Amino acid sequence: MNFGGFLYAGVEFEKKGPIMKISWLYYFFGAFIGGVCGVVIWLILLMVERSGQPILSSLPQKFGVFGVYLQHLYNVLPLFTIILGVVLVRKMFPERFEEDEDKKPNAS
């Protein structure tokens, strides 16, 4: 029983020190920027399609099954950009994440 902290939904938090690691803030930032960029690209292609230029609707006629696959990839474009945003942050700031790994105690 730890009286120096509090328990919320089965997770114990300490009163002193930060509640969450700063690396999660970096991941959230990358996911947010990636999601915004993905939605903007998705909306631009949707507006071009709605204006009368058949970019997406002509994919199955031009490429067959691969065109249908590309249409499905277009539908999950915001999700892919969220994942790419997190990966990009991980690659851009490796020293921030190595600090968190160095603070962990060794199991041996």
N, C-alpha and C. Protein backbone atom coordinates (compact mmCIF):
# COMPACT_ATOMS: atom_id res chain seq x y z
N MET A 1 0.84 -1.17 0.00
CA MET A 1 0.00 0.00 0.00
C MET A 1 0.89 1.23 0.00
N ASN A 2 0.70 2.11 -0.97
CA ASN A 2 1.53 3.29 -1.12
C ASN A 2 0.71 4.52 -0.77
N PHE A 3 1.07 5.19 0.32
CA PHE A 3 0.33 6.38 0.72
C PHE A 3 0.88 7.65 0.08
N GLY A 4 1.98 7.55 -0.65
CA GLY A 4 2.57 8.72 -1.29
C GLY A 4 2.01 8.99 -2.67
N GLY A 5 1.07 8.18 -3.13
CA GLY A 5 0.50 8.36 -4.46
C GLY A 5 -0.97 8.09 -4.43
N PHE A 6 -1.56 7.96 -5.60
CA PHE A 6 -2.98 7.65 -5.67
C PHE A 6 -3.21 6.63 -6.78
N LEU A 7 -4.30 5.93 -6.69
CA LEU A 7 -4.63 4.86 -7.62
C LEU A 7 -5.83 5.28 -8.46
N TYR A 8 -5.68 5.20 -9.78
CA TYR A 8 -6.77 5.54 -10.69
C TYR A 8 -6.85 4.48 -11.76
N ALA A 9 -7.97 3.81 -11.85
CA ALA A 9 -8.22 2.77 -12.85
C ALA A 9 -7.12 1.71 -12.84
N GLY A 10 -6.67 1.35 -11.66
CA GLY A 10 -5.69 0.28 -11.55
C GLY A 10 -4.25 0.72 -11.81
N VAL A 11 -4.02 2.01 -12.11
CA VAL A 11 -2.68 2.50 -12.38
C VAL A 11 -2.27 3.41 -11.24
N GLU A 12 -1.11 3.18 -10.69
CA GLU A 12 -0.66 3.96 -9.55
C GLU A 12 0.19 5.14 -10.03
N PHE A 13 -0.16 6.34 -9.59
CA PHE A 13 0.57 7.55 -9.92
C PHE A 13 1.19 8.12 -8.66
N GLU A 14 2.38 8.63 -8.78
CA GLU A 14 3.02 9.28 -7.65
C GLU A 14 2.68 10.75 -7.66
N LYS A 15 2.60 11.35 -6.47
CA LYS A 15 2.30 12.77 -6.38
C LYS A 15 3.48 13.62 -6.80
N LYS A 16 4.69 13.16 -6.53
CA LYS A 16 5.84 13.94 -6.91
C LYS A 16 6.34 13.50 -8.28
N GLY A 17 6.81 14.43 -9.07
CA GLY A 17 7.32 14.14 -10.40
C GLY A 17 6.22 14.19 -11.44
N PRO A 18 6.62 14.14 -12.70
CA PRO A 18 5.61 14.20 -13.77
C PRO A 18 4.78 12.93 -13.80
N ILE A 19 3.51 13.09 -14.15
CA ILE A 19 2.61 11.94 -14.20
C ILE A 19 2.90 11.08 -15.43
N MET A 20 3.20 11.73 -16.56
CA MET A 20 3.49 10.94 -17.75
C MET A 20 4.88 11.31 -18.28
N LYS A 21 5.47 10.41 -19.02
CA LYS A 21 6.77 10.66 -19.60
C LYS A 21 6.64 11.70 -20.70
N ILE A 22 7.69 12.45 -20.91
CA ILE A 22 7.67 13.48 -21.94
C ILE A 22 7.65 12.86 -23.34
N SER A 23 8.10 11.61 -23.47
CA SER A 23 8.10 10.97 -24.79
C SER A 23 6.68 10.80 -25.32
N TRP A 24 5.71 10.61 -24.44
CA TRP A 24 4.33 10.50 -24.90
C TRP A 24 3.85 11.80 -25.50
N LEU A 25 4.35 12.92 -25.01
CA LEU A 25 3.99 14.22 -25.58
C LEU A 25 4.54 14.34 -27.01
N TYR A 26 5.74 13.84 -27.23
CA TYR A 26 6.31 13.84 -28.57
C TYR A 26 5.50 12.95 -29.50
N TYR A 27 5.12 11.76 -29.03
CA TYR A 27 4.31 10.87 -29.85
C TYR A 27 2.96 11.51 -30.20
N PHE A 28 2.33 12.16 -29.23
CA PHE A 28 1.05 12.82 -29.49
C PHE A 28 1.22 13.93 -30.50
N PHE A 29 2.28 14.71 -30.39
CA PHE A 29 2.53 15.79 -31.34
C PHE A 29 2.70 15.24 -32.75
N GLY A 30 3.49 14.18 -32.90
CA GLY A 30 3.68 13.58 -34.22
C GLY A 30 2.40 13.01 -34.79
N ALA A 31 1.60 12.37 -33.95
CA ALA A 31 0.33 11.82 -34.41
C ALA A 31 -0.64 12.94 -34.81
N PHE A 32 -0.64 14.02 -34.04
CA PHE A 32 -1.54 15.13 -34.35
C PHE A 32 -1.16 15.79 -35.68
N ILE A 33 0.12 16.10 -35.86
CA ILE A 33 0.56 16.73 -37.10
C ILE A 33 0.34 15.78 -38.29
N GLY A 34 0.66 14.51 -38.11
CA GLY A 34 0.43 13.55 -39.18
C GLY A 34 -1.05 13.42 -39.52
N GLY A 35 -1.90 13.40 -38.51
CA GLY A 35 -3.34 13.30 -38.76
C GLY A 35 -3.89 14.52 -39.48
N VAL A 36 -3.44 15.69 -39.09
CA VAL A 36 -3.90 16.92 -39.76
C VAL A 36 -3.45 16.94 -41.21
N CYS A 37 -2.20 16.59 -41.46
CA CYS A 37 -1.71 16.54 -42.85
C CYS A 37 -2.46 15.51 -43.68
N GLY A 38 -2.73 14.35 -43.09
CA GLY A 38 -3.46 13.31 -43.81
C GLY A 38 -4.88 13.72 -44.15
N VAL A 39 -5.55 14.37 -43.22
CA VAL A 39 -6.92 14.83 -43.47
C VAL A 39 -6.94 15.92 -44.54
N VAL A 40 -5.95 16.82 -44.52
CA VAL A 40 -5.89 17.88 -45.52
C VAL A 40 -5.66 17.29 -46.91
N ILE A 41 -4.73 16.34 -47.04
CA ILE A 41 -4.51 15.69 -48.34
C ILE A 41 -5.75 14.94 -48.78
N TRP A 42 -6.40 14.26 -47.85
CA TRP A 42 -7.63 13.51 -48.15
C TRP A 42 -8.73 14.45 -48.65
N LEU A 43 -8.88 15.60 -47.99
CA LEU A 43 -9.91 16.56 -48.40
C LEU A 43 -9.59 17.21 -49.74
N ILE A 44 -8.32 17.48 -50.01
CA ILE A 44 -7.95 18.05 -51.31
C ILE A 44 -8.30 17.09 -52.43
N LEU A 45 -7.94 15.82 -52.27
CA LEU A 45 -8.28 14.84 -53.31
C LEU A 45 -9.80 14.66 -53.43
N LEU A 46 -10.51 14.73 -52.32
CA LEU A 46 -11.96 14.61 -52.37
C LEU A 46 -12.59 15.81 -53.10
N MET A 47 -12.09 17.01 -52.85
CA MET A 47 -12.62 18.19 -53.54
C MET A 47 -12.32 18.16 -55.03
N VAL A 48 -11.13 17.68 -55.41
CA VAL A 48 -10.80 17.55 -56.84
C VAL A 48 -11.73 16.54 -57.49
N GLU A 49 -12.00 15.44 -56.79
CA GLU A 49 -12.91 14.42 -57.32
C GLU A 49 -14.33 14.98 -57.48
N ARG A 50 -14.78 15.74 -56.49
CA ARG A 50 -16.14 16.31 -56.55
C ARG A 50 -16.27 17.42 -57.59
N SER A 51 -15.16 18.04 -57.98
CA SER A 51 -15.23 19.13 -58.96
C SER A 51 -15.40 18.62 -60.38
N GLY A 52 -15.27 17.32 -60.57
CA GLY A 52 -15.50 16.76 -61.89
C GLY A 52 -14.29 16.07 -62.50
N GLN A 53 -13.16 16.10 -61.85
CA GLN A 53 -11.97 15.41 -62.34
C GLN A 53 -11.94 14.01 -61.75
N PRO A 54 -12.21 12.98 -62.53
CA PRO A 54 -12.29 11.61 -61.98
C PRO A 54 -10.91 11.00 -61.71
N ILE A 55 -10.32 11.37 -60.59
CA ILE A 55 -9.02 10.79 -60.23
C ILE A 55 -9.23 9.45 -59.54
N LEU A 56 -10.03 9.47 -58.47
CA LEU A 56 -10.22 8.26 -57.68
C LEU A 56 -11.22 7.30 -58.30
N SER A 57 -12.27 7.81 -58.90
CA SER A 57 -13.29 6.93 -59.47
C SER A 57 -12.82 6.23 -60.73
N SER A 58 -11.78 6.77 -61.38
CA SER A 58 -11.28 6.12 -62.59
C SER A 58 -10.18 5.10 -62.31
N LEU A 59 -9.76 4.98 -61.07
CA LEU A 59 -8.69 4.02 -60.75
C LEU A 59 -9.06 2.57 -61.07
N PRO A 60 -10.28 2.08 -60.71
CA PRO A 60 -10.59 0.68 -61.05
C PRO A 60 -10.64 0.43 -62.56
N GLN A 61 -11.09 1.42 -63.34
CA GLN A 61 -11.14 1.20 -64.79
C GLN A 61 -9.74 1.16 -65.39
N LYS A 62 -8.83 1.96 -64.85
CA LYS A 62 -7.48 2.02 -65.41
C LYS A 62 -6.59 0.87 -64.92
N PHE A 63 -6.70 0.53 -63.62
CA PHE A 63 -5.77 -0.43 -63.03
C PHE A 63 -6.40 -1.72 -62.54
N GLY A 64 -7.70 -1.87 -62.64
CA GLY A 64 -8.36 -3.10 -62.23
C GLY A 64 -8.36 -3.30 -60.72
N VAL A 65 -7.94 -4.49 -60.29
CA VAL A 65 -7.95 -4.82 -58.87
C VAL A 65 -6.97 -3.92 -58.10
N PHE A 66 -5.84 -3.58 -58.70
CA PHE A 66 -4.89 -2.69 -58.05
C PHE A 66 -5.50 -1.30 -57.84
N GLY A 67 -6.34 -0.85 -58.76
CA GLY A 67 -7.03 0.43 -58.60
C GLY A 67 -8.00 0.42 -57.44
N VAL A 68 -8.69 -0.70 -57.23
CA VAL A 68 -9.58 -0.84 -56.07
C VAL A 68 -8.76 -0.80 -54.79
N TYR A 69 -7.59 -1.46 -54.81
CA TYR A 69 -6.69 -1.43 -53.67
C TYR A 69 -6.23 -0.01 -53.37
N LEU A 70 -5.91 0.77 -54.41
CA LEU A 70 -5.51 2.16 -54.21
C LEU A 70 -6.65 3.00 -53.65
N GLN A 71 -7.89 2.70 -54.04
CA GLN A 71 -9.03 3.42 -53.46
C GLN A 71 -9.16 3.11 -51.97
N HIS A 72 -8.93 1.88 -51.58
CA HIS A 72 -8.99 1.53 -50.17
C HIS A 72 -7.86 2.20 -49.39
N LEU A 73 -6.68 2.29 -50.00
CA LEU A 73 -5.58 3.01 -49.35
C LEU A 73 -5.91 4.48 -49.18
N TYR A 74 -6.62 5.06 -50.14
CA TYR A 74 -7.03 6.47 -50.02
C TYR A 74 -7.97 6.65 -48.83
N ASN A 75 -8.82 5.68 -48.57
CA ASN A 75 -9.78 5.80 -47.47
C ASN A 75 -9.09 5.76 -46.10
N VAL A 76 -7.96 5.09 -45.99
CA VAL A 76 -7.26 5.02 -44.71
C VAL A 76 -6.02 5.93 -44.68
N LEU A 77 -5.98 6.89 -45.59
CA LEU A 77 -4.84 7.82 -45.65
C LEU A 77 -4.60 8.57 -44.34
N PRO A 78 -5.63 9.10 -43.66
CA PRO A 78 -5.35 9.77 -42.38
C PRO A 78 -4.73 8.84 -41.33
N LEU A 79 -5.13 7.58 -41.30
CA LEU A 79 -4.55 6.64 -40.34
C LEU A 79 -3.08 6.38 -40.66
N PHE A 80 -2.76 6.21 -41.94
CA PHE A 80 -1.37 6.00 -42.33
C PHE A 80 -0.51 7.21 -41.97
N THR A 81 -1.03 8.41 -42.16
CA THR A 81 -0.23 9.59 -41.85
C THR A 81 -0.06 9.78 -40.34
N ILE A 82 -1.02 9.32 -39.54
CA ILE A 82 -0.83 9.35 -38.08
C ILE A 82 0.33 8.43 -37.70
N ILE A 83 0.35 7.24 -38.27
CA ILE A 83 1.43 6.29 -37.98
C ILE A 83 2.77 6.84 -38.47
N LEU A 84 2.78 7.42 -39.66
CA LEU A 84 4.02 8.00 -40.18
C LEU A 84 4.48 9.18 -39.35
N GLY A 85 3.56 9.95 -38.80
CA GLY A 85 3.93 11.06 -37.92
C GLY A 85 4.62 10.58 -36.66
N VAL A 86 4.13 9.50 -36.07
CA VAL A 86 4.75 8.93 -34.88
C VAL A 86 6.14 8.38 -35.21
N VAL A 87 6.26 7.69 -36.34
CA VAL A 87 7.56 7.15 -36.75
C VAL A 87 8.54 8.28 -37.04
N LEU A 88 8.07 9.34 -37.67
CA LEU A 88 8.94 10.47 -37.98
C LEU A 88 9.45 11.14 -36.71
N VAL A 89 8.60 11.30 -35.72
CA VAL A 89 9.04 11.88 -34.46
C VAL A 89 10.07 10.98 -33.80
N ARG A 90 9.86 9.69 -33.85
CA ARG A 90 10.82 8.74 -33.25
C ARG A 90 12.18 8.86 -33.93
N LYS A 91 12.19 9.08 -35.25
CA LYS A 91 13.45 9.19 -35.98
C LYS A 91 14.08 10.58 -35.82
N MET A 92 13.26 11.61 -35.64
CA MET A 92 13.80 12.97 -35.53
C MET A 92 14.40 13.26 -34.16
N PHE A 93 13.84 12.68 -33.10
CA PHE A 93 14.29 12.95 -31.75
C PHE A 93 14.75 11.67 -31.03
N PRO A 94 15.76 10.99 -31.55
CA PRO A 94 16.15 9.73 -30.89
C PRO A 94 16.76 9.96 -29.51
N GLU A 95 17.40 11.11 -29.29
CA GLU A 95 18.04 11.35 -27.99
C GLU A 95 17.01 11.50 -26.88
N ARG A 96 15.83 12.00 -27.18
CA ARG A 96 14.78 12.13 -26.16
C ARG A 96 14.29 10.77 -25.69
N PHE A 97 14.20 9.83 -26.62
CA PHE A 97 13.69 8.52 -26.27
C PHE A 97 14.77 7.65 -25.64
N GLU A 98 16.04 7.90 -25.97
CA GLU A 98 17.13 7.17 -25.33
C GLU A 98 17.26 7.57 -23.86
N GLU A 99 16.92 8.83 -23.53
CA GLU A 99 16.97 9.27 -22.14
C GLU A 99 15.98 8.46 -21.29
N ASP A 100 14.78 8.23 -21.82
CA ASP A 100 13.78 7.44 -21.10
C ASP A 100 14.24 6.00 -20.91
N GLU A 101 14.89 5.43 -21.92
CA GLU A 101 15.37 4.05 -21.82
C GLU A 101 16.54 3.94 -20.85
N ASP A 102 17.38 4.99 -20.74
CA ASP A 102 18.51 4.97 -19.83
C ASP A 102 18.05 5.04 -18.37
N LYS A 103 16.91 5.63 -18.11
CA LYS A 103 16.43 5.77 -16.74
C LYS A 103 15.84 4.49 -16.19
N LYS A 104 15.52 3.52 -17.05
CA LYS A 104 14.95 2.25 -16.60
C LYS A 104 16.03 1.44 -15.88
N PRO A 105 15.68 0.81 -14.76
CA PRO A 105 16.66 -0.04 -14.07
C PRO A 105 16.88 -1.34 -14.85
N ASN A 106 18.07 -1.86 -14.77
CA ASN A 106 18.41 -3.11 -15.45
C ASN A 106 17.78 -4.28 -14.71
N ALA A 107 17.33 -5.27 -15.45
CA ALA A 107 16.72 -6.45 -14.85
C ALA A 107 17.77 -7.41 -14.31
N SER A 108 19.00 -7.29 -14.78
CA SER A 108 20.03 -8.24 -14.34
C SER A 108 20.70 -7.83 -13.06
